[in-house]
Each structure stands twice: as structure tokens, then as C-alpha cells.
N, C-alpha and C. Protein backbone atom coordinates (compact mmCIF):
# COMPACT_ATOMS: atom_id res chain seq x y z
N UNK A 1 3.49 -49.27 28.33
CA UNK A 1 3.19 -48.19 27.41
C UNK A 1 2.28 -47.18 28.10
N UNK A 2 2.63 -45.93 28.04
CA UNK A 2 1.83 -44.88 28.68
C UNK A 2 0.74 -44.40 27.74
N UNK A 3 -0.40 -44.16 28.32
CA UNK A 3 -1.52 -43.66 27.54
C UNK A 3 -1.55 -42.14 27.63
N UNK A 4 -1.73 -41.48 26.50
CA UNK A 4 -1.78 -40.03 26.47
C UNK A 4 -3.10 -39.54 27.06
N UNK A 5 -3.00 -38.55 27.94
CA UNK A 5 -4.19 -37.91 28.51
C UNK A 5 -4.04 -36.41 28.37
N UNK A 6 -5.14 -35.76 28.10
CA UNK A 6 -5.13 -34.30 28.05
C UNK A 6 -4.88 -33.74 29.44
N UNK A 7 -4.30 -32.56 29.49
CA UNK A 7 -4.17 -31.83 30.75
C UNK A 7 -5.58 -31.67 31.32
N UNK A 8 -5.74 -31.73 32.64
CA UNK A 8 -7.08 -31.67 33.23
C UNK A 8 -7.92 -30.47 32.78
N UNK A 9 -7.32 -29.32 32.65
CA UNK A 9 -8.09 -28.14 32.23
C UNK A 9 -8.52 -28.29 30.77
N UNK A 10 -7.63 -28.80 29.92
CA UNK A 10 -8.00 -29.03 28.52
C UNK A 10 -9.13 -30.04 28.41
N UNK A 11 -9.05 -31.10 29.21
CA UNK A 11 -10.10 -32.12 29.21
C UNK A 11 -11.43 -31.53 29.67
N UNK A 12 -11.39 -30.69 30.68
CA UNK A 12 -12.62 -30.07 31.18
C UNK A 12 -13.28 -29.21 30.11
N UNK A 13 -12.48 -28.43 29.38
CA UNK A 13 -13.03 -27.60 28.31
C UNK A 13 -13.60 -28.46 27.19
N UNK A 14 -12.92 -29.54 26.86
CA UNK A 14 -13.41 -30.44 25.82
C UNK A 14 -14.75 -31.07 26.24
N UNK A 15 -14.85 -31.49 27.48
CA UNK A 15 -16.10 -32.07 27.96
C UNK A 15 -17.22 -31.04 28.00
N UNK A 16 -16.90 -29.82 28.40
CA UNK A 16 -17.92 -28.77 28.47
C UNK A 16 -18.54 -28.52 27.10
N UNK A 17 -17.74 -28.62 26.06
CA UNK A 17 -18.20 -28.34 24.70
C UNK A 17 -19.06 -29.45 24.11
N UNK A 18 -19.12 -30.61 24.78
CA UNK A 18 -19.91 -31.72 24.25
C UNK A 18 -21.41 -31.53 24.45
N UNK A 19 -21.79 -30.72 25.42
CA UNK A 19 -23.20 -30.53 25.72
C UNK A 19 -23.78 -31.61 26.63
N UNK A 20 -22.96 -32.51 27.09
CA UNK A 20 -23.43 -33.61 27.95
C UNK A 20 -23.43 -33.26 29.43
N UNK A 21 -22.86 -32.12 29.77
CA UNK A 21 -22.72 -31.74 31.18
C UNK A 21 -23.34 -30.38 31.42
N UNK A 22 -23.91 -30.20 32.61
CA UNK A 22 -24.57 -28.94 32.93
C UNK A 22 -23.69 -27.98 33.71
N UNK A 23 -22.60 -28.48 34.29
CA UNK A 23 -21.80 -27.61 35.15
C UNK A 23 -20.39 -28.16 35.34
N UNK A 24 -19.54 -27.31 35.91
CA UNK A 24 -18.18 -27.71 36.23
C UNK A 24 -18.17 -28.89 37.18
N UNK A 25 -19.09 -28.91 38.12
CA UNK A 25 -19.10 -30.01 39.08
C UNK A 25 -19.43 -31.34 38.42
N UNK A 26 -20.32 -31.35 37.43
CA UNK A 26 -20.61 -32.59 36.70
C UNK A 26 -19.39 -33.04 35.90
N UNK A 27 -18.68 -32.08 35.32
CA UNK A 27 -17.46 -32.39 34.58
C UNK A 27 -16.42 -32.99 35.52
N UNK A 28 -16.26 -32.40 36.69
CA UNK A 28 -15.29 -32.89 37.67
C UNK A 28 -15.60 -34.33 38.07
N UNK A 29 -16.87 -34.63 38.31
CA UNK A 29 -17.26 -36.01 38.67
C UNK A 29 -16.94 -36.98 37.53
N UNK A 30 -17.24 -36.57 36.31
CA UNK A 30 -16.96 -37.43 35.16
C UNK A 30 -15.46 -37.68 35.00
N UNK A 31 -14.68 -36.65 35.24
CA UNK A 31 -13.23 -36.81 35.12
C UNK A 31 -12.69 -37.74 36.19
N UNK A 32 -13.21 -37.65 37.40
CA UNK A 32 -12.78 -38.57 38.47
C UNK A 32 -13.10 -40.00 38.08
N UNK A 33 -14.29 -40.22 37.54
CA UNK A 33 -14.70 -41.57 37.14
C UNK A 33 -13.83 -42.11 36.01
N UNK A 34 -13.31 -41.21 35.17
CA UNK A 34 -12.50 -41.66 34.04
C UNK A 34 -11.01 -41.80 34.39
N UNK A 35 -10.66 -41.57 35.67
CA UNK A 35 -9.30 -41.84 36.09
C UNK A 35 -8.44 -40.64 36.44
N UNK A 36 -8.98 -39.44 36.31
CA UNK A 36 -8.22 -38.27 36.75
C UNK A 36 -8.19 -38.25 38.27
N UNK A 37 -7.07 -37.85 38.83
CA UNK A 37 -6.92 -37.84 40.28
C UNK A 37 -7.64 -36.63 40.89
N UNK A 38 -7.79 -36.65 42.19
CA UNK A 38 -8.40 -35.53 42.89
C UNK A 38 -7.55 -34.28 42.70
N UNK A 39 -6.24 -34.44 42.68
CA UNK A 39 -5.35 -33.29 42.44
C UNK A 39 -5.59 -32.70 41.06
N UNK A 40 -5.84 -33.57 40.07
CA UNK A 40 -6.16 -33.10 38.72
C UNK A 40 -7.46 -32.30 38.73
N UNK A 41 -8.47 -32.88 39.34
CA UNK A 41 -9.79 -32.27 39.37
C UNK A 41 -9.78 -30.96 40.16
N UNK A 42 -8.96 -30.89 41.19
CA UNK A 42 -8.87 -29.65 41.97
C UNK A 42 -8.35 -28.48 41.16
N UNK A 43 -7.71 -28.75 40.04
CA UNK A 43 -7.24 -27.67 39.16
C UNK A 43 -8.40 -26.93 38.51
N UNK A 44 -9.59 -27.49 38.60
CA UNK A 44 -10.77 -26.86 38.00
C UNK A 44 -11.46 -25.89 38.94
N UNK A 45 -10.93 -25.72 40.13
CA UNK A 45 -11.51 -24.80 41.10
C UNK A 45 -11.19 -23.36 40.70
N UNK A 46 -11.97 -22.46 41.22
CA UNK A 46 -11.73 -21.04 40.96
C UNK A 46 -12.92 -20.41 40.27
N UNK A 47 -13.19 -19.18 40.63
CA UNK A 47 -14.36 -18.47 40.13
C UNK A 47 -14.34 -18.30 38.62
N UNK A 48 -13.22 -17.85 38.09
CA UNK A 48 -13.13 -17.58 36.66
C UNK A 48 -13.27 -18.85 35.83
N UNK A 49 -12.57 -19.89 36.21
CA UNK A 49 -12.63 -21.15 35.48
C UNK A 49 -14.02 -21.77 35.59
N UNK A 50 -14.61 -21.71 36.76
CA UNK A 50 -15.97 -22.23 36.95
C UNK A 50 -16.94 -21.49 36.04
N UNK A 51 -16.82 -20.17 36.00
CA UNK A 51 -17.71 -19.36 35.16
C UNK A 51 -17.54 -19.73 33.69
N UNK A 52 -16.30 -19.90 33.25
CA UNK A 52 -16.05 -20.25 31.85
C UNK A 52 -16.62 -21.63 31.51
N UNK A 53 -16.37 -22.60 32.36
CA UNK A 53 -16.86 -23.95 32.09
C UNK A 53 -18.39 -24.01 32.12
N UNK A 54 -19.00 -23.36 33.10
CA UNK A 54 -20.46 -23.34 33.17
C UNK A 54 -21.06 -22.66 31.95
N UNK A 55 -20.43 -21.58 31.49
CA UNK A 55 -20.90 -20.89 30.29
C UNK A 55 -20.80 -21.76 29.05
N UNK A 56 -19.69 -22.48 28.92
CA UNK A 56 -19.53 -23.39 27.79
C UNK A 56 -20.56 -24.52 27.84
N UNK A 57 -20.82 -25.03 29.02
CA UNK A 57 -21.84 -26.08 29.17
C UNK A 57 -23.20 -25.58 28.70
N UNK A 58 -23.58 -24.39 29.17
CA UNK A 58 -24.88 -23.81 28.77
C UNK A 58 -24.95 -23.58 27.27
N UNK A 59 -23.90 -23.03 26.70
CA UNK A 59 -23.88 -22.76 25.26
C UNK A 59 -23.97 -24.05 24.45
N UNK A 60 -23.24 -25.06 24.86
CA UNK A 60 -23.26 -26.34 24.14
C UNK A 60 -24.63 -27.00 24.24
N UNK A 61 -25.26 -26.92 25.41
CA UNK A 61 -26.59 -27.49 25.55
C UNK A 61 -27.62 -26.72 24.72
N UNK A 62 -27.47 -25.40 24.65
CA UNK A 62 -28.38 -24.59 23.84
C UNK A 62 -28.22 -24.95 22.36
N UNK A 63 -26.98 -25.15 21.92
CA UNK A 63 -26.74 -25.55 20.53
C UNK A 63 -27.36 -26.91 20.23
N UNK A 64 -27.25 -27.83 21.18
CA UNK A 64 -27.85 -29.15 21.00
C UNK A 64 -29.37 -29.05 20.90
N UNK A 65 -29.96 -28.18 21.72
CA UNK A 65 -31.42 -28.01 21.71
C UNK A 65 -31.87 -27.42 20.37
N UNK A 66 -31.11 -26.47 19.83
CA UNK A 66 -31.46 -25.87 18.53
C UNK A 66 -31.37 -26.91 17.42
N UNK A 67 -30.35 -27.75 17.48
CA UNK A 67 -30.16 -28.78 16.47
C UNK A 67 -31.27 -29.82 16.53
N UNK A 68 -31.71 -30.15 17.73
CA UNK A 68 -32.75 -31.16 17.90
C UNK A 68 -34.12 -30.64 17.49
N UNK A 69 -34.33 -29.34 17.55
CA UNK A 69 -35.64 -28.76 17.24
C UNK A 69 -35.92 -28.68 15.77
């Protein structure tokens, strides 16, 4: 039986929104540990995608900080 996995880019965006990661590189490491291949993780390269993921990480962490305060 095959297990459903999100497309690597979709998974990266989902992880960025959790507030648990500070950057695209942290997300990439987490994805590798969870079984995504290096080819999958390499799809996260690129200036625009890095900027988007890093921005989402910052926004999610800021939201978490506001909620905790």
C-alpha cells in the first residue's frame, strides 16, 4: 500500500506555516529526515522560493510570539 505524500513544494509551504522553522534550509533538513529524497529537497532551491519560504517562516513565528504574549 502506498502512502500519500504532499508534493515537496507543498510540504515545504505547509511546514513554513507551522512556525517551527526559521528558514528554508531548516525545512529542507526536516524534509530529508522525514523521507523526502535529495531530488525532492532540491526543488526548494531558487531565490524566489527561498524568499517566500523564509517570509512565511518569519510571519508564522511572529504570529506564534503574539499568541504566546
